[in-house]
Each structure stands twice: as structure tokens, then as C-alpha cells.
């Protein structure tokens, strides 16, 4: 269900001008590996918002990550660290 920007623009154009539905789009583009559910979600979004762009604030805004060290527990609330999800972090922190 990965839609490229080019795919999204084409889907929006065909939805707006020719009122194509998900099944029609699947029939018109059989080489694309789109799913019926993914197209339905995208078409619903186009119908409700009129846009293919993500809404402002979509996704995770901020997170708190706990790094446990022998001496202390460091709480980070910086968006640059929100993408760290595994224990492969090798950086260092200084306590102030």
C-alpha cells in the first residue's frame, strides 16, 4: 500500500475528474501493488479533506524516552530523540 507522490496526484485527479473508485483504480493500474483497503483509506481522505497531504500535526508530536544508567534516570523530551526506538544508541549525555 505504498503510494508515491505521483500515485497520489494521479489518484486525486482521477477521483476528482472522473469519480473513480478503489476497484476502478485497481482495474486501471494492475501493475501497481495497491491494496483495496489502502485505496479506500486514501479516497476517504481525499473526499473529506480535498487534499493528499498529511494534516498538520499528524504523527507523534513529542515523546519521552527513559535512559536508565546505574546512577540516574535521564528523561529526554527533545524531538530529535523521538526517533530512537532501539538500544543501539551510542551517544553520550552530560548531566547539568
Protein backbone atom coordinates (compact mmCIF):
# COMPACT_ATOMS: atom_id res chain seq x y z
CA UNK A 1 0.00 0.00 0.00
CA UNK A 2 2.86 2.39 -0.60
CA UNK A 3 1.65 5.32 -2.64
CA UNK A 4 4.25 7.58 -4.20
CA UNK A 5 3.52 11.29 -4.50
CA UNK A 6 2.98 10.73 -8.22
CA UNK A 7 0.47 7.96 -7.46
CA UNK A 8 -1.41 10.17 -5.02
CA UNK A 9 -1.65 13.03 -7.50
CA UNK A 10 -2.94 10.69 -10.22
CA UNK A 11 -5.45 9.10 -7.85
CA UNK A 12 -6.71 12.50 -6.69
CA UNK A 13 -7.03 13.69 -10.29
CA UNK A 14 -8.99 10.62 -11.36
CA UNK A 15 -11.17 10.80 -8.25
CA UNK A 16 -11.96 14.49 -8.74
CA UNK A 17 -12.48 14.48 -12.51
CA UNK A 18 -13.84 11.02 -13.32
CA UNK A 19 -15.09 9.89 -9.89
CA UNK A 20 -13.03 6.69 -9.96
CA UNK A 21 -13.46 4.38 -7.02
CA UNK A 22 -10.98 1.98 -5.45
CA UNK A 23 -11.97 -1.02 -7.58
CA UNK A 24 -11.82 1.00 -10.79
CA UNK A 25 -8.34 2.28 -9.88
CA UNK A 26 -7.17 -1.28 -9.20
CA UNK A 27 -8.50 -2.34 -12.59
CA UNK A 28 -6.87 0.61 -14.38
CA UNK A 29 -3.46 0.11 -12.74
CA UNK A 30 -2.94 -3.65 -12.29
CA UNK A 31 0.85 -3.33 -12.23
CA UNK A 32 0.74 -1.24 -9.07
CA UNK A 33 0.76 -3.22 -5.85
CA UNK A 34 -2.04 -1.22 -4.23
CA UNK A 35 -4.47 -2.78 -1.81
CA UNK A 36 -8.20 -2.19 -1.89
CA UNK A 37 -8.18 -1.09 1.75
CA UNK A 38 -5.31 1.32 1.20
CA UNK A 39 -7.07 2.92 -1.76
CA UNK A 40 -10.29 3.19 0.21
CA UNK A 41 -8.45 5.00 3.01
CA UNK A 42 -6.78 7.39 0.58
CA UNK A 43 -10.04 8.07 -1.27
CA UNK A 44 -11.83 8.72 2.02
CA UNK A 45 -9.11 11.21 2.95
CA UNK A 46 -9.41 12.91 -0.45
CA UNK A 47 -13.18 13.12 -0.10
CA UNK A 48 -13.06 14.51 3.45
CA UNK A 49 -10.17 16.96 3.14
CA UNK A 50 -9.77 17.52 -0.59
CA UNK A 51 -6.04 17.01 -0.18
CA UNK A 52 -3.46 14.24 -0.40
CA UNK A 53 -1.13 15.94 2.08
CA UNK A 54 -0.74 14.85 5.67
CA UNK A 55 -2.64 17.02 8.09
CA UNK A 56 -0.68 19.42 10.24
CA UNK A 57 0.31 17.75 13.47
CA UNK A 58 -0.16 14.24 12.12
CA UNK A 59 2.13 11.71 13.70
CA UNK A 60 3.87 11.69 17.02
CA UNK A 61 4.42 15.20 18.35
CA UNK A 62 6.69 14.56 21.26
CA UNK A 63 7.88 11.62 23.22
CA UNK A 64 9.65 10.88 26.43
CA UNK A 65 12.44 8.37 26.40
CA UNK A 66 13.96 6.98 29.53
CA UNK A 67 17.61 6.03 29.56
CA UNK A 68 18.48 4.08 32.64
CA UNK A 69 22.01 4.40 33.85
CA UNK A 70 23.47 3.00 37.05
CA UNK A 71 23.48 6.42 38.72
CA UNK A 72 20.41 8.16 37.42
CA UNK A 73 17.50 8.10 35.06
CA UNK A 74 17.64 10.65 32.26
CA UNK A 75 14.40 11.91 30.79
CA UNK A 76 14.64 13.34 27.31
CA UNK A 77 11.84 15.38 25.80
CA UNK A 78 13.56 16.57 22.68
CA UNK A 79 12.01 15.85 19.29
CA UNK A 80 15.42 14.95 17.88
CA UNK A 81 15.49 11.89 20.11
CA UNK A 82 11.91 10.77 19.42
CA UNK A 83 13.06 8.56 16.59
CA UNK A 84 15.29 6.45 18.80
CA UNK A 85 13.41 3.24 19.38
CA UNK A 86 16.06 0.61 19.98
CA UNK A 87 19.00 0.14 22.27
CA UNK A 88 21.55 0.90 19.57
CA UNK A 89 22.07 4.42 20.87
CA UNK A 90 25.78 5.03 21.35
CA UNK A 91 25.83 8.76 22.15
CA UNK A 92 26.68 10.33 25.43
CA UNK A 93 24.77 12.71 27.67
CA UNK A 94 26.02 15.21 30.16
CA UNK A 95 24.03 15.99 33.28
CA UNK A 96 23.90 19.66 34.16
